[in-house]
Amino acid sequence: MVERIKVRPDISLSSLSDGDKAAMVEFLSPKDVYLTTLNIPHPYSEESAEAWIAVRKEHAQRVGQEVSFAIRDANHKMIGAIGADSHEPGATHRAEIGYWLAKPYWGRGIMTDVIAAYIEYAFGELQLSKLVAHVFEFNAASARVLEKNGFKLEGELRKHYQKEGELVDARVYGLLKEDRS
């Protein structure tokens, strides 16, 4: 399995570990992080982090490849995550990616670079033909990092998700392997 993917001098991707729980609780507790993500609960607890890490580690063991990674700073502290939990080798040609980044790191181009590195990994190591991502309609920053990496808007999903008791529109983005050539 992949040990580490260097994204840029101060950012890398590596396997998730039980030691990442504290960083997850710290960075996923702010409500504005919850509001921009599809599946992160609020309030975020140590139990949530433990369960999330366990599922990803089990998935990597089962499929024999890392599918989810911690995003790490120069000190190897977890500051976010990216993955394609729907990837099942031999069963599908595509996967949906999901990602989050700690608020203190927003606006620095980190996620744009992380997604670029993950795309190379997904199309190379995971041998996928297509990546998709769902983004809340109001999350322009997330849509922009996908667009900067060549993702195309493939559709709009009206009132597709529920957040804070409200029905929320989403956009579906897709990227084909051949579009990266």
N, C-alpha and C. Protein backbone atom coordinates (compact mmCIF):
# COMPACT_ATOMS: atom_id res chain seq x y z
N MET A 1 0.84 -1.18 0.00
CA MET A 1 0.00 0.00 0.00
C MET A 1 0.88 1.25 0.00
N VAL A 2 0.31 2.34 -0.47
CA VAL A 2 1.03 3.60 -0.58
C VAL A 2 1.31 4.15 0.82
N GLU A 3 2.55 4.54 1.06
CA GLU A 3 2.94 5.10 2.35
C GLU A 3 2.62 6.60 2.42
N ARG A 4 3.01 7.32 1.36
CA ARG A 4 2.89 8.77 1.38
C ARG A 4 2.88 9.31 -0.05
N ILE A 5 2.04 10.30 -0.30
CA ILE A 5 2.02 10.99 -1.58
C ILE A 5 2.36 12.45 -1.30
N LYS A 6 3.44 12.92 -1.87
CA LYS A 6 3.82 14.31 -1.68
C LYS A 6 2.99 15.19 -2.61
N VAL A 7 2.30 16.15 -2.04
CA VAL A 7 1.44 17.05 -2.81
C VAL A 7 2.23 18.30 -3.17
N ARG A 8 2.90 18.87 -2.19
CA ARG A 8 3.79 20.01 -2.35
C ARG A 8 4.70 20.00 -1.12
N PRO A 9 5.72 20.84 -1.06
CA PRO A 9 6.68 20.71 0.05
C PRO A 9 6.08 20.68 1.45
N ASP A 10 5.00 21.39 1.67
CA ASP A 10 4.41 21.46 3.01
C ASP A 10 3.16 20.61 3.20
N ILE A 11 2.75 19.87 2.18
CA ILE A 11 1.51 19.08 2.23
C ILE A 11 1.74 17.70 1.64
N SER A 12 1.21 16.68 2.33
CA SER A 12 1.29 15.31 1.81
C SER A 12 0.01 14.56 2.16
N LEU A 13 -0.16 13.42 1.52
CA LEU A 13 -1.25 12.50 1.81
C LEU A 13 -0.65 11.24 2.38
N SER A 14 -1.26 10.69 3.41
CA SER A 14 -0.79 9.41 3.95
C SER A 14 -1.96 8.67 4.57
N SER A 15 -1.70 7.43 4.95
CA SER A 15 -2.74 6.59 5.54
C SER A 15 -3.30 7.22 6.80
N LEU A 16 -4.54 6.91 7.06
CA LEU A 16 -5.18 7.35 8.30
C LEU A 16 -4.67 6.51 9.45
N SER A 17 -4.64 7.10 10.64
CA SER A 17 -4.23 6.35 11.83
C SER A 17 -5.11 6.72 13.00
N ASP A 18 -5.10 5.88 14.02
CA ASP A 18 -5.89 6.16 15.21
C ASP A 18 -5.44 7.45 15.87
N GLY A 19 -4.20 7.84 15.66
CA GLY A 19 -3.68 9.09 16.21
C GLY A 19 -4.29 10.33 15.58
N ASP A 20 -5.07 10.17 14.52
CA ASP A 20 -5.71 11.30 13.85
C ASP A 20 -7.02 11.74 14.51
N LYS A 21 -7.50 10.98 15.48
CA LYS A 21 -8.80 11.29 16.10
C LYS A 21 -8.85 12.70 16.69
N ALA A 22 -7.82 13.08 17.42
CA ALA A 22 -7.83 14.40 18.08
C ALA A 22 -7.91 15.52 17.05
N ALA A 23 -7.16 15.42 15.97
CA ALA A 23 -7.18 16.45 14.93
C ALA A 23 -8.56 16.50 14.27
N MET A 24 -9.16 15.34 14.06
CA MET A 24 -10.49 15.32 13.44
C MET A 24 -11.51 16.01 14.33
N VAL A 25 -11.49 15.72 15.61
CA VAL A 25 -12.43 16.36 16.53
C VAL A 25 -12.18 17.87 16.56
N GLU A 26 -10.92 18.26 16.63
CA GLU A 26 -10.58 19.69 16.65
C GLU A 26 -11.08 20.40 15.39
N PHE A 27 -10.77 19.84 14.23
CA PHE A 27 -11.05 20.54 12.97
C PHE A 27 -12.46 20.35 12.44
N LEU A 28 -13.14 19.28 12.85
CA LEU A 28 -14.50 19.05 12.33
C LEU A 28 -15.59 19.54 13.28
N SER A 29 -15.21 20.07 14.40
CA SER A 29 -16.20 20.58 15.36
C SER A 29 -16.84 21.91 14.95
N PRO A 30 -16.11 22.82 14.28
CA PRO A 30 -16.76 24.09 13.90
C PRO A 30 -17.98 23.85 13.00
N LYS A 31 -19.04 24.56 13.28
CA LYS A 31 -20.27 24.35 12.53
C LYS A 31 -20.13 24.71 11.06
N ASP A 32 -19.27 25.69 10.72
CA ASP A 32 -19.16 26.05 9.30
C ASP A 32 -18.50 24.96 8.47
N VAL A 33 -17.70 24.08 9.09
CA VAL A 33 -17.16 22.93 8.35
C VAL A 33 -18.31 21.94 8.09
N TYR A 34 -19.09 21.67 9.12
CA TYR A 34 -20.26 20.79 8.99
C TYR A 34 -21.21 21.29 7.90
N LEU A 35 -21.44 22.59 7.87
CA LEU A 35 -22.42 23.15 6.93
C LEU A 35 -21.99 23.00 5.47
N THR A 36 -20.70 22.86 5.20
CA THR A 36 -20.23 22.76 3.81
C THR A 36 -19.98 21.32 3.36
N THR A 37 -20.17 20.35 4.26
CA THR A 37 -19.89 18.96 3.92
C THR A 37 -21.17 18.13 3.89
N LEU A 38 -21.13 17.07 3.11
CA LEU A 38 -22.32 16.24 2.92
C LEU A 38 -22.61 15.31 4.08
N ASN A 39 -21.57 14.69 4.67
CA ASN A 39 -21.81 13.60 5.60
C ASN A 39 -21.16 13.73 6.97
N ILE A 40 -20.62 14.86 7.30
CA ILE A 40 -19.97 15.02 8.59
C ILE A 40 -21.00 15.45 9.62
N PRO A 41 -21.12 14.70 10.73
CA PRO A 41 -22.12 15.06 11.75
C PRO A 41 -21.70 16.27 12.59
N HIS A 42 -22.69 16.86 13.26
CA HIS A 42 -22.40 17.96 14.19
C HIS A 42 -23.29 17.77 15.41
N PRO A 43 -22.78 17.85 16.61
CA PRO A 43 -21.36 18.07 16.92
C PRO A 43 -20.53 16.83 16.58
N TYR A 44 -19.25 17.06 16.33
CA TYR A 44 -18.35 15.97 15.96
C TYR A 44 -17.68 15.43 17.22
N SER A 45 -17.71 14.12 17.38
CA SER A 45 -17.20 13.50 18.61
C SER A 45 -16.01 12.59 18.32
N GLU A 46 -15.33 12.21 19.38
CA GLU A 46 -14.23 11.25 19.26
C GLU A 46 -14.74 9.92 18.74
N GLU A 47 -15.96 9.54 19.14
CA GLU A 47 -16.56 8.29 18.65
C GLU A 47 -16.80 8.35 17.15
N SER A 48 -17.23 9.53 16.66
CA SER A 48 -17.43 9.70 15.22
C SER A 48 -16.11 9.52 14.48
N ALA A 49 -15.05 10.12 15.00
CA ALA A 49 -13.73 10.01 14.38
C ALA A 49 -13.24 8.57 14.40
N GLU A 50 -13.40 7.91 15.52
CA GLU A 50 -12.96 6.52 15.67
C GLU A 50 -13.68 5.61 14.66
N ALA A 51 -14.99 5.78 14.54
CA ALA A 51 -15.77 4.97 13.61
C ALA A 51 -15.39 5.26 12.17
N TRP A 52 -15.20 6.53 11.83
CA TRP A 52 -14.85 6.91 10.47
C TRP A 52 -13.50 6.33 10.07
N ILE A 53 -12.52 6.44 10.94
CA ILE A 53 -11.18 5.89 10.66
C ILE A 53 -11.25 4.38 10.52
N ALA A 54 -11.97 3.71 11.41
CA ALA A 54 -12.08 2.25 11.38
C ALA A 54 -12.67 1.76 10.07
N VAL A 55 -13.72 2.42 9.58
CA VAL A 55 -14.36 2.02 8.32
C VAL A 55 -13.38 2.17 7.16
N ARG A 56 -12.64 3.28 7.13
CA ARG A 56 -11.68 3.50 6.03
C ARG A 56 -10.52 2.52 6.08
N LYS A 57 -10.03 2.21 7.27
CA LYS A 57 -8.94 1.24 7.40
C LYS A 57 -9.40 -0.16 6.97
N GLU A 58 -10.61 -0.52 7.36
CA GLU A 58 -11.16 -1.82 6.97
C GLU A 58 -11.35 -1.89 5.46
N HIS A 59 -11.81 -0.81 4.87
CA HIS A 59 -12.01 -0.77 3.42
C HIS A 59 -10.68 -0.96 2.70
N ALA A 60 -9.65 -0.27 3.15
CA ALA A 60 -8.32 -0.40 2.53
C ALA A 60 -7.82 -1.84 2.65
N GLN A 61 -8.02 -2.46 3.80
CA GLN A 61 -7.61 -3.86 3.99
C GLN A 61 -8.36 -4.78 3.03
N ARG A 62 -9.67 -4.57 2.94
CA ARG A 62 -10.52 -5.42 2.11
C ARG A 62 -10.18 -5.31 0.64
N VAL A 63 -9.97 -4.07 0.14
CA VAL A 63 -9.71 -3.90 -1.29
C VAL A 63 -8.22 -3.98 -1.62
N GLY A 64 -7.36 -3.97 -0.61
CA GLY A 64 -5.93 -4.11 -0.84
C GLY A 64 -5.25 -2.85 -1.33
N GLN A 65 -5.93 -1.71 -1.22
CA GLN A 65 -5.38 -0.43 -1.66
C GLN A 65 -5.89 0.67 -0.75
N GLU A 66 -5.07 1.70 -0.58
CA GLU A 66 -5.55 2.89 0.12
C GLU A 66 -6.55 3.59 -0.79
N VAL A 67 -7.65 3.99 -0.24
CA VAL A 67 -8.67 4.71 -0.97
C VAL A 67 -8.89 6.08 -0.34
N SER A 68 -8.68 6.16 0.96
CA SER A 68 -8.83 7.41 1.71
C SER A 68 -7.51 7.79 2.35
N PHE A 69 -7.24 9.08 2.34
CA PHE A 69 -5.98 9.57 2.89
C PHE A 69 -6.21 10.74 3.83
N ALA A 70 -5.34 10.85 4.82
CA ALA A 70 -5.26 12.06 5.63
C ALA A 70 -4.44 13.08 4.84
N ILE A 71 -4.87 14.33 4.88
CA ILE A 71 -4.07 15.43 4.34
C ILE A 71 -3.24 15.92 5.51
N ARG A 72 -1.92 15.99 5.32
CA ARG A 72 -1.01 16.33 6.42
C ARG A 72 -0.18 17.56 6.09
N ASP A 73 0.08 18.36 7.14
CA ASP A 73 0.94 19.53 6.98
C ASP A 73 2.40 19.12 7.12
N ALA A 74 3.30 20.08 7.12
CA ALA A 74 4.74 19.80 7.18
C ALA A 74 5.15 19.07 8.46
N ASN A 75 4.35 19.23 9.53
CA ASN A 75 4.63 18.54 10.79
C ASN A 75 3.91 17.20 10.90
N HIS A 76 3.33 16.75 9.80
CA HIS A 76 2.62 15.47 9.69
C HIS A 76 1.30 15.45 10.47
N LYS A 77 0.77 16.64 10.82
CA LYS A 77 -0.52 16.72 11.51
C LYS A 77 -1.63 16.63 10.47
N MET A 78 -2.66 15.89 10.80
CA MET A 78 -3.81 15.78 9.92
C MET A 78 -4.55 17.11 9.90
N ILE A 79 -4.78 17.64 8.67
CA ILE A 79 -5.51 18.90 8.51
C ILE A 79 -6.71 18.73 7.58
N GLY A 80 -6.96 17.51 7.15
CA GLY A 80 -8.08 17.24 6.27
C GLY A 80 -8.04 15.80 5.81
N ALA A 81 -8.93 15.49 4.88
CA ALA A 81 -8.99 14.13 4.34
C ALA A 81 -9.58 14.16 2.93
N ILE A 82 -9.23 13.14 2.17
CA ILE A 82 -9.79 12.96 0.83
C ILE A 82 -9.90 11.47 0.57
N GLY A 83 -10.93 11.07 -0.13
CA GLY A 83 -11.08 9.65 -0.43
C GLY A 83 -12.19 9.38 -1.42
N ALA A 84 -12.24 8.12 -1.82
CA ALA A 84 -13.27 7.63 -2.74
C ALA A 84 -13.82 6.34 -2.15
N ASP A 85 -14.65 6.49 -1.14
CA ASP A 85 -15.15 5.34 -0.40
C ASP A 85 -15.96 4.36 -1.24
N SER A 86 -16.49 4.82 -2.37
CA SER A 86 -17.32 3.94 -3.19
C SER A 86 -16.48 3.04 -4.12
N HIS A 87 -15.15 3.19 -4.09
CA HIS A 87 -14.31 2.40 -4.98
C HIS A 87 -14.28 0.93 -4.56
N GLU A 88 -14.65 0.06 -5.48
CA GLU A 88 -14.58 -1.39 -5.29
C GLU A 88 -13.85 -1.96 -6.50
N PRO A 89 -12.58 -2.33 -6.35
CA PRO A 89 -11.80 -2.82 -7.49
C PRO A 89 -12.50 -3.96 -8.23
N GLY A 90 -12.52 -3.84 -9.53
CA GLY A 90 -13.11 -4.87 -10.38
C GLY A 90 -14.62 -4.81 -10.48
N ALA A 91 -15.26 -4.01 -9.61
CA ALA A 91 -16.72 -3.94 -9.62
C ALA A 91 -17.24 -2.68 -10.30
N THR A 92 -16.41 -1.66 -10.38
CA THR A 92 -16.85 -0.42 -10.98
C THR A 92 -15.68 0.31 -11.61
N HIS A 93 -16.00 1.15 -12.55
CA HIS A 93 -14.99 1.94 -13.25
C HIS A 93 -14.90 3.37 -12.72
N ARG A 94 -15.80 3.71 -11.78
CA ARG A 94 -15.86 5.08 -11.28
C ARG A 94 -15.98 5.09 -9.77
N ALA A 95 -15.72 6.27 -9.19
CA ALA A 95 -15.88 6.43 -7.74
C ALA A 95 -16.20 7.88 -7.45
N GLU A 96 -16.91 8.09 -6.35
CA GLU A 96 -17.22 9.43 -5.90
C GLU A 96 -16.18 9.86 -4.87
N ILE A 97 -15.62 11.04 -5.07
CA ILE A 97 -14.66 11.54 -4.09
C ILE A 97 -15.36 12.47 -3.09
N GLY A 98 -14.81 12.48 -1.90
CA GLY A 98 -15.24 13.39 -0.86
C GLY A 98 -14.00 13.95 -0.20
N TYR A 99 -14.10 15.13 0.36
CA TYR A 99 -12.92 15.76 0.96
C TYR A 99 -13.34 16.84 1.94
N TRP A 100 -12.45 17.15 2.86
CA TRP A 100 -12.63 18.28 3.76
C TRP A 100 -11.25 18.80 4.14
N LEU A 101 -11.22 20.07 4.51
CA LEU A 101 -9.98 20.72 4.92
C LEU A 101 -10.28 21.59 6.12
N ALA A 102 -9.40 21.58 7.11
CA ALA A 102 -9.58 22.38 8.31
C ALA A 102 -9.66 23.86 7.95
N LYS A 103 -10.56 24.57 8.61
CA LYS A 103 -10.82 25.97 8.30
C LYS A 103 -9.57 26.86 8.31
N PRO A 104 -8.61 26.69 9.24
CA PRO A 104 -7.43 27.56 9.22
C PRO A 104 -6.60 27.44 7.92
N TYR A 105 -6.86 26.41 7.12
CA TYR A 105 -6.10 26.17 5.89
C TYR A 105 -6.87 26.55 4.64
N TRP A 106 -8.10 27.04 4.79
CA TRP A 106 -8.90 27.44 3.64
C TRP A 106 -8.24 28.63 2.93
N GLY A 107 -8.44 28.71 1.62
CA GLY A 107 -8.00 29.86 0.84
C GLY A 107 -6.52 29.88 0.50
N ARG A 108 -5.84 28.76 0.66
CA ARG A 108 -4.40 28.69 0.37
C ARG A 108 -4.07 27.83 -0.85
N GLY A 109 -5.08 27.34 -1.53
CA GLY A 109 -4.85 26.49 -2.70
C GLY A 109 -4.50 25.06 -2.35
N ILE A 110 -4.57 24.71 -1.09
CA ILE A 110 -4.19 23.36 -0.66
C ILE A 110 -5.11 22.31 -1.27
N MET A 111 -6.42 22.52 -1.18
CA MET A 111 -7.34 21.50 -1.68
C MET A 111 -7.25 21.35 -3.19
N THR A 112 -6.98 22.42 -3.90
CA THR A 112 -6.80 22.31 -5.34
C THR A 112 -5.64 21.37 -5.64
N ASP A 113 -4.53 21.53 -4.92
CA ASP A 113 -3.36 20.67 -5.13
C ASP A 113 -3.60 19.24 -4.66
N VAL A 114 -4.32 19.09 -3.55
CA VAL A 114 -4.63 17.75 -3.03
C VAL A 114 -5.49 16.98 -4.03
N ILE A 115 -6.51 17.63 -4.56
CA ILE A 115 -7.37 16.96 -5.53
C ILE A 115 -6.57 16.58 -6.78
N ALA A 116 -5.68 17.43 -7.23
CA ALA A 116 -4.84 17.10 -8.39
C ALA A 116 -4.02 15.84 -8.12
N ALA A 117 -3.43 15.75 -6.93
CA ALA A 117 -2.64 14.57 -6.57
C ALA A 117 -3.53 13.34 -6.47
N TYR A 118 -4.71 13.49 -5.90
CA TYR A 118 -5.62 12.36 -5.76
C TYR A 118 -6.11 11.86 -7.12
N ILE A 119 -6.34 12.78 -8.04
CA ILE A 119 -6.76 12.40 -9.39
C ILE A 119 -5.70 11.49 -10.03
N GLU A 120 -4.44 11.88 -9.92
CA GLU A 120 -3.36 11.07 -10.50
C GLU A 120 -3.34 9.68 -9.86
N TYR A 121 -3.52 9.63 -8.56
CA TYR A 121 -3.54 8.35 -7.84
C TYR A 121 -4.75 7.51 -8.29
N ALA A 122 -5.92 8.14 -8.36
CA ALA A 122 -7.14 7.40 -8.71
C ALA A 122 -7.09 6.83 -10.12
N PHE A 123 -6.60 7.63 -11.07
CA PHE A 123 -6.55 7.16 -12.45
C PHE A 123 -5.36 6.23 -12.68
N GLY A 124 -4.32 6.36 -11.89
CA GLY A 124 -3.15 5.50 -12.03
C GLY A 124 -3.26 4.24 -11.17
N GLU A 125 -3.12 4.39 -9.88
CA GLU A 125 -3.10 3.25 -8.96
C GLU A 125 -4.44 2.53 -8.83
N LEU A 126 -5.51 3.28 -8.75
CA LEU A 126 -6.82 2.66 -8.59
C LEU A 126 -7.44 2.24 -9.92
N GLN A 127 -6.85 2.69 -11.02
CA GLN A 127 -7.28 2.34 -12.38
C GLN A 127 -8.74 2.68 -12.64
N LEU A 128 -9.16 3.83 -12.14
CA LEU A 128 -10.51 4.30 -12.39
C LEU A 128 -10.58 5.02 -13.73
N SER A 129 -11.76 5.06 -14.30
CA SER A 129 -11.99 5.77 -15.56
C SER A 129 -12.72 7.08 -15.36
N LYS A 130 -13.38 7.20 -14.19
CA LYS A 130 -14.16 8.41 -13.93
C LYS A 130 -14.20 8.70 -12.44
N LEU A 131 -14.14 9.98 -12.11
CA LEU A 131 -14.36 10.46 -10.75
C LEU A 131 -15.56 11.39 -10.76
N VAL A 132 -16.38 11.31 -9.73
CA VAL A 132 -17.50 12.23 -9.58
C VAL A 132 -17.44 12.86 -8.19
N ALA A 133 -18.10 13.99 -8.04
CA ALA A 133 -18.19 14.66 -6.74
C ALA A 133 -19.51 15.41 -6.67
N HIS A 134 -20.13 15.36 -5.51
CA HIS A 134 -21.34 16.13 -5.23
C HIS A 134 -20.95 17.32 -4.37
N VAL A 135 -21.47 18.49 -4.70
CA VAL A 135 -21.16 19.72 -3.99
C VAL A 135 -22.46 20.47 -3.74
N PHE A 136 -22.62 20.97 -2.51
CA PHE A 136 -23.79 21.81 -2.26
C PHE A 136 -23.77 22.99 -3.22
N GLU A 137 -24.93 23.38 -3.70
CA GLU A 137 -25.05 24.46 -4.68
C GLU A 137 -24.41 25.76 -4.18
N PHE A 138 -24.50 26.01 -2.90
CA PHE A 138 -23.96 27.26 -2.33
C PHE A 138 -22.46 27.21 -2.05
N ASN A 139 -21.83 26.05 -2.19
CA ASN A 139 -20.41 25.92 -1.85
C ASN A 139 -19.54 26.20 -3.08
N ALA A 140 -19.45 27.46 -3.42
CA ALA A 140 -18.70 27.89 -4.61
C ALA A 140 -17.22 27.53 -4.53
N ALA A 141 -16.64 27.59 -3.34
CA ALA A 141 -15.21 27.29 -3.20
C ALA A 141 -14.92 25.83 -3.56
N SER A 142 -15.76 24.93 -3.11
CA SER A 142 -15.57 23.52 -3.42
C SER A 142 -15.76 23.26 -4.91
N ALA A 143 -16.78 23.88 -5.50
CA ALA A 143 -17.00 23.73 -6.94
C ALA A 143 -15.79 24.26 -7.71
N ARG A 144 -15.22 25.36 -7.25
CA ARG A 144 -14.08 25.97 -7.95
C ARG A 144 -12.86 25.06 -7.94
N VAL A 145 -12.56 24.40 -6.81
CA VAL A 145 -11.38 23.52 -6.79
C VAL A 145 -11.57 22.34 -7.73
N LEU A 146 -12.80 21.87 -7.87
CA LEU A 146 -13.06 20.80 -8.83
C LEU A 146 -12.86 21.31 -10.26
N GLU A 147 -13.42 22.47 -10.56
CA GLU A 147 -13.29 23.04 -11.90
C GLU A 147 -11.82 23.31 -12.25
N LYS A 148 -11.03 23.78 -11.31
CA LYS A 148 -9.60 24.02 -11.55
C LYS A 148 -8.88 22.73 -11.90
N ASN A 149 -9.43 21.60 -11.47
CA ASN A 149 -8.83 20.31 -11.76
C ASN A 149 -9.48 19.60 -12.94
N GLY A 150 -10.27 20.33 -13.72
CA GLY A 150 -10.83 19.78 -14.95
C GLY A 150 -12.19 19.12 -14.82
N PHE A 151 -12.77 19.07 -13.62
CA PHE A 151 -14.10 18.50 -13.47
C PHE A 151 -15.11 19.36 -14.21
N LYS A 152 -16.08 18.72 -14.80
CA LYS A 152 -17.15 19.40 -15.53
C LYS A 152 -18.46 19.23 -14.78
N LEU A 153 -19.27 20.28 -14.79
CA LEU A 153 -20.61 20.20 -14.22
C LEU A 153 -21.44 19.25 -15.08
N GLU A 154 -21.97 18.20 -14.46
CA GLU A 154 -22.75 17.22 -15.20
C GLU A 154 -24.24 17.30 -14.90
N GLY A 155 -24.57 18.00 -13.83
CA GLY A 155 -25.99 18.12 -13.52
C GLY A 155 -26.25 18.79 -12.20
N GLU A 156 -27.50 19.14 -12.01
CA GLU A 156 -27.93 19.75 -10.77
C GLU A 156 -28.99 18.86 -10.15
N LEU A 157 -28.89 18.68 -8.86
CA LEU A 157 -29.82 17.85 -8.11
C LEU A 157 -30.65 18.75 -7.20
N ARG A 158 -31.90 18.95 -7.55
CA ARG A 158 -32.74 19.88 -6.81
C ARG A 158 -33.24 19.24 -5.52
N LYS A 159 -33.08 19.99 -4.43
CA LYS A 159 -33.52 19.55 -3.10
C LYS A 159 -33.10 18.12 -2.83
N HIS A 160 -31.84 17.82 -3.09
CA HIS A 160 -31.31 16.46 -3.03
C HIS A 160 -30.83 16.06 -1.64
N TYR A 161 -30.34 17.01 -0.88
CA TYR A 161 -29.82 16.73 0.46
C TYR A 161 -30.62 17.53 1.49
N GLN A 162 -30.55 17.05 2.72
CA GLN A 162 -31.18 17.79 3.81
C GLN A 162 -30.09 18.22 4.78
N LYS A 163 -30.05 19.52 5.08
CA LYS A 163 -29.05 20.08 5.98
C LYS A 163 -29.74 21.09 6.87
N GLU A 164 -29.61 20.91 8.16
CA GLU A 164 -30.21 21.84 9.11
C GLU A 164 -31.72 21.97 8.91
N GLY A 165 -32.37 20.87 8.53
CA GLY A 165 -33.80 20.87 8.34
C GLY A 165 -34.28 21.47 7.02
N GLU A 166 -33.35 21.90 6.19
CA GLU A 166 -33.68 22.50 4.89
C GLU A 166 -33.28 21.55 3.77
N LEU A 167 -34.05 21.54 2.70
CA LEU A 167 -33.67 20.77 1.52
C LEU A 167 -32.72 21.62 0.70
N VAL A 168 -31.61 21.02 0.29
CA VAL A 168 -30.52 21.76 -0.34
C VAL A 168 -30.23 21.20 -1.73
N ASP A 169 -30.04 22.09 -2.67
CA ASP A 169 -29.65 21.70 -4.03
C ASP A 169 -28.17 21.34 -4.05
N ALA A 170 -27.81 20.46 -4.97
CA ALA A 170 -26.42 20.06 -5.13
C ALA A 170 -26.07 20.04 -6.60
N ARG A 171 -24.79 20.08 -6.86
CA ARG A 171 -24.28 19.96 -8.22
C ARG A 171 -23.43 18.69 -8.30
N VAL A 172 -23.50 18.03 -9.44
CA VAL A 172 -22.69 16.84 -9.68
C VAL A 172 -21.62 17.20 -10.69
N TYR A 173 -20.37 16.93 -10.32
CA TYR A 173 -19.23 17.17 -11.20
C TYR A 173 -18.61 15.83 -11.57
N GLY A 174 -18.06 15.76 -12.78
CA GLY A 174 -17.41 14.54 -13.23
C GLY A 174 -16.12 14.84 -13.97
N LEU A 175 -15.21 13.88 -13.90
CA LEU A 175 -13.94 13.96 -14.61
C LEU A 175 -13.61 12.60 -15.18
N LEU A 176 -13.39 12.55 -16.50
CA LEU A 176 -13.00 11.32 -17.16
C LEU A 176 -11.48 11.24 -17.27
N LYS A 177 -10.98 10.02 -17.19
CA LYS A 177 -9.52 9.82 -17.29
C LYS A 177 -8.97 10.42 -18.58
N GLU A 178 -9.68 10.23 -19.68
CA GLU A 178 -9.17 10.73 -20.96
C GLU A 178 -9.17 12.26 -21.02
N ASP A 179 -9.93 12.91 -20.17
CA ASP A 179 -9.91 14.38 -20.14
C ASP A 179 -8.61 14.92 -19.55
N ARG A 180 -7.85 14.07 -18.87
CA ARG A 180 -6.60 14.49 -18.22
C ARG A 180 -5.39 14.34 -19.16
N SER A 181 -5.59 13.77 -20.29
CA SER A 181 -4.45 13.52 -21.21
C SER A 181 -3.91 14.78 -21.80
